[in-house]
Amino acid sequence: MATIEMEDLYAYRVRGCGRSAVVLWIGGRGDEPDQVYALAEDGHWQVPAFVTVRQARVYVSRRGQRLATSEADTLELVRVQHWLEDPVRRKVPPGAVLEAWNFFEDLARGLDAVHRLPQQGAVHNSAYEKLFGGESAAWTPDEQRAVLELITSGVELWNSCPVIVNPCSMIVSDGELGTPRAL
């Protein structure tokens, strides 16, 4: 059972066309991957979703912890969704696509739903490296197809994943934030 350390927990704002929310994000320690914080409810994982960073901060505080920073980074998913509507004629927003790719992997891990994203291989790795290097214009057709498939699946995961909107935050005596998705 992993314990969440205070410096590991962040608020992360996602602005999308279908769904926007502030979620809690857990930074992996060492070789552990990052993940979006999720809670078990009746055997299913759900993402606590907040309207504001302040609501997320209060939720965490009432559970005996605090966020690593007072601010939240923002994923402008709207830009990615706009690109997905016509990827042939629209320019790739490389920063937003890279952030979305990372977020979707973290979300899938938090929900124990990695099966909802395409299995990644050498083509994905090559496309990711080009994206990271700002060279998405150099994607091969196979790389572009792989990115489009992954990002489309990620958007579907985000828009359909179970959420708990502004969950109650009861004060707990042992100071535990909860158990994150087991890795």
C-alpha atoms as a PDB file:
ATOM      1  CA  MET A   1       0.000   0.000   0.000  1.00  0.00           C
ATOM      2  CA  ALA A   2       1.545   3.292  -1.106  1.00  0.00           C
ATOM      3  CA  THR A   3       1.354   6.377   1.060  1.00  0.00           C
ATOM      4  CA  ILE A   4       0.961   9.721  -0.645  1.00  0.00           C
ATOM      5  CA  GLU A   5       3.527  12.222   0.530  1.00  0.00           C
ATOM      6  CA  MET A   6       2.590  15.900   0.636  1.00  0.00           C
ATOM      7  CA  GLU A   7       5.125  16.879  -1.999  1.00  0.00           C
ATOM      8  CA  ASP A   8       3.646  14.303  -4.368  1.00  0.00           C
ATOM      9  CA  LEU A   9       0.106  15.694  -4.669  1.00  0.00           C
ATOM     10  CA  TYR A  10      -0.859  18.432  -7.132  1.00  0.00           C
ATOM     11  CA  ALA A  11      -4.041  20.068  -8.406  1.00  0.00           C
ATOM     12  CA  TYR A  12      -4.323  19.844 -12.199  1.00  0.00           C
ATOM     13  CA  ARG A  13      -6.919  21.757 -14.221  1.00  0.00           C
ATOM     14  CA  VAL A  14      -8.268  20.131 -17.382  1.00  0.00           C
ATOM     15  CA  ARG A  15     -10.255  22.372 -19.742  1.00  0.00           C
ATOM     16  CA  GLY A  16     -12.073  20.344 -22.344  1.00  0.00           C
ATOM     17  CA  CYS A  17     -15.084  20.699 -24.617  1.00  0.00           C
ATOM     18  CA  GLY A  18     -17.082  17.898 -22.997  1.00  0.00           C
ATOM     19  CA  ARG A  19     -15.745  18.069 -19.459  1.00  0.00           C
ATOM     20  CA  SER A  20     -13.630  20.464 -17.439  1.00  0.00           C
ATOM     21  CA  ALA A  21     -12.455  19.928 -13.871  1.00  0.00           C
ATOM     22  CA  VAL A  22      -9.640  20.214 -11.388  1.00  0.00           C
ATOM     23  CA  VAL A  23      -8.286  16.778 -10.509  1.00  0.00           C
ATOM     24  CA  LEU A  24      -5.605  15.599  -8.112  1.00  0.00           C
ATOM     25  CA  TRP A  25      -2.417  14.307  -9.647  1.00  0.00           C
ATOM     26  CA  ILE A  26       0.171  12.144  -7.887  1.00  0.00           C
ATOM     27  CA  GLY A  27       3.805  12.525  -8.929  1.00  0.00           C
ATOM     28  CA  GLY A  28       5.575   9.178  -9.022  1.00  0.00           C
ATOM     29  CA  ARG A  29       8.634   8.725  -6.835  1.00  0.00           C
ATOM     30  CA  GLY A  30      11.788   7.351  -8.389  1.00  0.00           C
ATOM     31  CA  ASP A  31      10.833   4.978 -11.188  1.00  0.00           C
ATOM     32  CA  GLU A  32       7.156   4.915 -10.244  1.00  0.00           C
ATOM     33  CA  PRO A  33       4.877   6.438 -12.890  1.00  0.00           C
ATOM     34  CA  ASP A  34       2.621   9.413 -12.222  1.00  0.00           C
ATOM     35  CA  GLN A  35      -1.110   8.900 -11.925  1.00  0.00           C
ATOM     36  CA  VAL A  36      -4.349  10.762 -11.453  1.00  0.00           C
ATOM     37  CA  TYR A  37      -5.717  10.255  -7.931  1.00  0.00           C
ATOM     38  CA  ALA A  38      -8.767   7.989  -7.847  1.00  0.00           C
ATOM     39  CA  LEU A  39     -10.945   6.564  -5.090  1.00  0.00           C
ATOM     40  CA  ALA A  40     -12.490   3.113  -4.921  1.00  0.00           C
ATOM     41  CA  GLU A  41     -16.282   3.150  -4.748  1.00  0.00           C
ATOM     42  CA  ASP A  42     -18.166  -0.148  -4.901  1.00  0.00           C
ATOM     43  CA  GLY A  43     -15.208  -1.844  -6.591  1.00  0.00           C
ATOM     44  CA  HIS A  44     -14.834   0.860  -9.233  1.00  0.00           C
ATOM     45  CA  TRP A  45     -12.353   3.700  -9.417  1.00  0.00           C
ATOM     46  CA  GLN A  46     -13.649   7.264  -9.573  1.00  0.00           C
ATOM     47  CA  VAL A  47     -11.798  10.528  -9.984  1.00  0.00           C
ATOM     48  CA  PRO A  48     -12.533  13.288  -7.476  1.00  0.00           C
ATOM     49  CA  ALA A  49     -13.332  16.321  -9.649  1.00  0.00           C
ATOM     50  CA  PHE A  50     -13.471  19.900  -8.413  1.00  0.00           C
ATOM     51  CA  VAL A  51     -14.626  23.163  -9.947  1.00  0.00           C
ATOM     52  CA  THR A  52     -11.831  25.190  -8.368  1.00  0.00           C
ATOM     53  CA  VAL A  53      -8.317  24.649  -7.062  1.00  0.00           C
ATOM     54  CA  ARG A  54      -9.512  26.003  -3.720  1.00  0.00           C
ATOM     55  CA  GLN A  55     -12.089  23.188  -3.450  1.00  0.00           C
ATOM     56  CA  ALA A  56      -9.358  20.631  -4.169  1.00  0.00           C
ATOM     57  CA  ARG A  57      -7.077  22.253  -1.589  1.00  0.00           C
ATOM     58  CA  VAL A  58      -9.829  22.175   1.078  1.00  0.00           C
ATOM     59  CA  TYR A  59     -10.602  18.529   0.279  1.00  0.00           C
ATOM     60  CA  VAL A  60      -6.955  17.571   0.688  1.00  0.00           C
ATOM     61  CA  SER A  61      -6.534  19.743   3.791  1.00  0.00           C
ATOM     62  CA  ARG A  62      -9.508  18.164   5.531  1.00  0.00           C
ATOM     63  CA  ARG A  63      -7.847  14.826   4.936  1.00  0.00           C
ATOM     64  CA  GLY A  64      -4.758  15.928   6.844  1.00  0.00           C
ATOM     65  CA  GLN A  65      -2.516  16.766   3.885  1.00  0.00           C
ATOM     66  CA  ARG A  66      -1.707  19.677   1.639  1.00  0.00           C
ATOM     67  CA  LEU A  67      -0.978  20.215  -2.026  1.00  0.00           C
ATOM     68  CA  ALA A  68       2.656  20.479  -3.103  1.00  0.00           C
ATOM     69  CA  THR A  69       1.979  23.898  -4.684  1.00  0.00           C
ATOM     70  CA  SER A  70      -0.781  26.460  -4.326  1.00  0.00           C
ATOM     71  CA  GLU A  71      -1.295  26.778  -8.087  1.00  0.00           C
ATOM     72  CA  ALA A  72      -2.456  24.308 -10.710  1.00  0.00           C
ATOM     73  CA  ASP A  73      -1.054  23.617 -14.141  1.00  0.00           C
ATOM     74  CA  THR A  74      -3.661  23.599 -16.901  1.00  0.00           C
ATOM     75  CA  LEU A  75      -4.194  21.206 -19.769  1.00  0.00           C
ATOM     76  CA  GLU A  76      -5.928  23.083 -22.581  1.00  0.00           C
ATOM     77  CA  LEU A  77      -7.706  20.000 -23.905  1.00  0.00           C
ATOM     78  CA  VAL A  78     -10.001  22.225 -26.006  1.00  0.00           C
ATOM     79  CA  ARG A  79      -7.020  22.951 -28.293  1.00  0.00           C
ATOM     80  CA  VAL A  80      -6.371  19.231 -28.705  1.00  0.00           C
ATOM     81  CA  GLN A  81     -10.041  18.495 -29.375  1.00  0.00           C
ATOM     82  CA  HIS A  82     -10.149  21.288 -31.964  1.00  0.00           C
ATOM     83  CA  TRP A  83      -7.146  19.721 -33.731  1.00  0.00           C
ATOM     84  CA  LEU A  84      -8.795  16.265 -33.602  1.00  0.00           C
ATOM     85  CA  GLU A  85     -11.813  17.634 -35.493  1.00  0.00           C
ATOM     86  CA  ASP A  86      -9.652  18.105 -38.614  1.00  0.00           C
ATOM     87  CA  PRO A  87      -6.082  16.864 -38.084  1.00  0.00           C
ATOM     88  CA  VAL A  88      -5.266  16.971 -41.789  1.00  0.00           C
ATOM     89  CA  ARG A  89      -5.870  20.710 -42.174  1.00  0.00           C
ATOM     90  CA  ARG A  90      -5.128  21.940 -38.652  1.00  0.00           C
ATOM     91  CA  LYS A  91      -1.690  22.404 -37.206  1.00  0.00           C
ATOM     92  CA  VAL A  92      -0.773  20.137 -34.297  1.00  0.00           C
ATOM     93  CA  PRO A  93      -0.668  22.078 -31.000  1.00  0.00           C
ATOM     94  CA  PRO A  94       2.465  20.214 -29.858  1.00  0.00           C
ATOM     95  CA  GLY A  95       2.581  21.343 -26.231  1.00  0.00           C
ATOM     96  CA  ALA A  96      -1.084  20.613 -25.620  1.00  0.00           C
ATOM     97  CA  VAL A  97      -0.914  17.226 -27.390  1.00  0.00           C
ATOM     98  CA  LEU A  98       2.162  16.236 -25.360  1.00  0.00           C
ATOM     99  CA  GLU A  99       0.453  17.270 -22.098  1.00  0.00           C
ATOM    100  CA  ALA A 100      -2.733  15.440 -23.121  1.00  0.00           C
ATOM    101  CA  TRP A 101      -0.795  12.263 -23.967  1.00  0.00           C
ATOM    102  CA  ASN A 102       0.883  12.306 -20.542  1.00  0.00           C
ATOM    103  CA  PHE A 103      -2.388  13.113 -18.765  1.00  0.00           C
ATOM    104  CA  PHE A 104      -4.282  10.296 -20.483  1.00  0.00           C
ATOM    105  CA  GLU A 105      -1.625   7.757 -19.478  1.00  0.00           C
ATOM    106  CA  ASP A 106      -1.748   9.031 -15.873  1.00  0.00           C
ATOM    107  CA  LEU A 107      -5.560   8.976 -15.892  1.00  0.00           C
ATOM    108  CA  ALA A 108      -5.651   5.418 -17.238  1.00  0.00           C
ATOM    109  CA  ARG A 109      -3.222   4.264 -14.524  1.00  0.00           C
ATOM    110  CA  GLY A 110      -5.232   5.971 -11.783  1.00  0.00           C
ATOM    111  CA  LEU A 111      -8.456   4.326 -12.947  1.00  0.00           C
ATOM    112  CA  ASP A 112      -6.848   0.931 -13.613  1.00  0.00           C
ATOM    113  CA  ALA A 113      -8.016   1.427 -17.212  1.00  0.00           C
ATOM    114  CA  VAL A 114      -4.804   1.183 -19.259  1.00  0.00           C
ATOM    115  CA  HIS A 115      -6.708  -1.226 -21.525  1.00  0.00           C
ATOM    116  CA  ARG A 116      -8.790   1.764 -22.679  1.00  0.00           C
ATOM    117  CA  LEU A 117      -5.761   3.278 -24.438  1.00  0.00           C
ATOM    118  CA  PRO A 118      -4.033   1.646 -27.404  1.00  0.00           C
ATOM    119  CA  GLN A 119      -1.088  -0.537 -26.500  1.00  0.00           C
ATOM    120  CA  GLN A 120       1.981   1.528 -27.284  1.00  0.00           C
ATOM    121  CA  GLY A 121       4.936   0.302 -29.277  1.00  0.00           C
ATOM    122  CA  ALA A 122       7.849   1.546 -31.345  1.00  0.00           C
ATOM    123  CA  VAL A 123       5.663   3.761 -33.567  1.00  0.00           C
ATOM    124  CA  HIS A 124       4.238   5.522 -30.506  1.00  0.00           C
ATOM    125  CA  ASN A 125       7.710   5.942 -29.007  1.00  0.00           C
ATOM    126  CA  SER A 126       8.998   7.497 -32.212  1.00  0.00           C
ATOM    127  CA  ALA A 127       5.985   9.822 -32.498  1.00  0.00           C
ATOM    128  CA  TYR A 128       6.343  10.832 -28.841  1.00  0.00           C
ATOM    129  CA  GLU A 129      10.048  11.635 -29.258  1.00  0.00           C
ATOM    130  CA  LYS A 130       9.274  13.808 -32.288  1.00  0.00           C
ATOM    131  CA  LEU A 131       6.450  15.517 -30.414  1.00  0.00           C
ATOM    132  CA  PHE A 132       8.698  16.105 -27.403  1.00  0.00           C
ATOM    133  CA  GLY A 133      11.355  17.548 -29.705  1.00  0.00           C
ATOM    134  CA  GLY A 134       8.856  19.873 -31.403  1.00  0.00           C
ATOM    135  CA  GLU A 135       9.023  17.908 -34.651  1.00  0.00           C
ATOM    136  CA  SER A 136       5.443  16.683 -35.023  1.00  0.00           C
ATOM    137  CA  ALA A 137       5.518  17.918 -38.634  1.00  0.00           C
ATOM    138  CA  ALA A 138       7.989  15.084 -39.290  1.00  0.00           C
ATOM    139  CA  TRP A 139       5.551  12.352 -38.192  1.00  0.00           C
ATOM    140  CA  THR A 140       5.203   9.490 -40.623  1.00  0.00           C
ATOM    141  CA  PRO A 141       1.633   8.537 -41.599  1.00  0.00           C
ATOM    142  CA  ASP A 142       1.862   5.562 -39.191  1.00  0.00           C
ATOM    143  CA  GLU A 143       3.022   7.834 -36.374  1.00  0.00           C
ATOM    144  CA  GLN A 144       0.222  10.313 -37.008  1.00  0.00           C
ATOM    145  CA  ARG A 145      -2.360   7.508 -37.039  1.00  0.00           C
ATOM    146  CA  ALA A 146      -0.952   6.162 -33.768  1.00  0.00           C
ATOM    147  CA  VAL A 147      -1.097   9.594 -32.119  1.00  0.00           C
ATOM    148  CA  LEU A 148      -4.621  10.263 -33.369  1.00  0.00           C
ATOM    149  CA  GLU A 149      -5.799   6.870 -32.088  1.00  0.00           C
ATOM    150  CA  LEU A 150      -4.191   7.358 -28.679  1.00  0.00           C
ATOM    151  CA  ILE A 151      -5.371  10.948 -28.204  1.00  0.00           C
ATOM    152  CA  THR A 152      -8.894  10.133 -29.401  1.00  0.00           C
ATOM    153  CA  SER A 153      -9.050   7.199 -26.962  1.00  0.00           C
ATOM    154  CA  GLY A 154      -7.728   9.443 -24.206  1.00  0.00           C
ATOM    155  CA  VAL A 155     -10.378  12.095 -24.830  1.00  0.00           C
ATOM    156  CA  GLU A 156     -13.050   9.370 -24.718  1.00  0.00           C
ATOM    157  CA  LEU A 157     -11.582   8.063 -21.442  1.00  0.00           C
ATOM    158  CA  TRP A 158     -11.587  11.550 -19.887  1.00  0.00           C
ATOM    159  CA  ASN A 159     -15.132  12.340 -21.044  1.00  0.00           C
ATOM    160  CA  SER A 160     -16.533   9.005 -19.835  1.00  0.00           C
ATOM    161  CA  CYS A 161     -14.525   8.199 -16.709  1.00  0.00           C
ATOM    162  CA  PRO A 162     -16.494   8.057 -13.477  1.00  0.00           C
ATOM    163  CA  VAL A 163     -16.058  11.167 -11.350  1.00  0.00           C
ATOM    164  CA  ILE A 164     -17.131  12.282  -7.901  1.00  0.00           C
ATOM    165  CA  VAL A 165     -17.917  15.992  -8.203  1.00  0.00           C
ATOM    166  CA  ASN A 166     -16.801  17.988  -5.149  1.00  0.00           C
ATOM    167  CA  PRO A 167     -16.648  14.916  -2.903  1.00  0.00           C
ATOM    168  CA  CYS A 168     -17.248  15.304   0.793  1.00  0.00           C
ATOM    169  CA  SER A 169     -14.036  15.718   2.673  1.00  0.00           C
ATOM    170  CA  MET A 170     -14.399  14.452   6.169  1.00  0.00           C
ATOM    171  CA  ILE A 171     -11.619  14.967   8.656  1.00  0.00           C
ATOM    172  CA  VAL A 172      -9.832  11.679   9.220  1.00  0.00           C
ATOM    173  CA  SER A 173      -7.949  10.886  12.391  1.00  0.00           C
ATOM    174  CA  ASP A 174      -4.979   9.046  10.927  1.00  0.00           C
ATOM    175  CA  GLY A 175      -4.062  11.770   8.412  1.00  0.00           C
ATOM    176  CA  GLU A 176      -4.144   9.368   5.461  1.00  0.00           C
ATOM    177  CA  LEU A 177      -5.281  10.889   2.191  1.00  0.00           C
ATOM    178  CA  GLY A 178      -6.384   7.513   0.924  1.00  0.00           C
ATOM    179  CA  THR A 179      -4.966   4.739  -1.114  1.00  0.00           C
ATOM    180  CA  PRO A 180      -4.008   5.668  -4.648  1.00  0.00           C
ATOM    181  CA  ARG A 181      -4.525   3.330  -7.532  1.00  0.00           C
ATOM    182  CA  ALA A 182      -2.163   0.411  -6.889  1.00  0.00           C
ATOM    183  CA  LEU A 183       0.702   0.341  -9.341  1.00  0.00           C
END
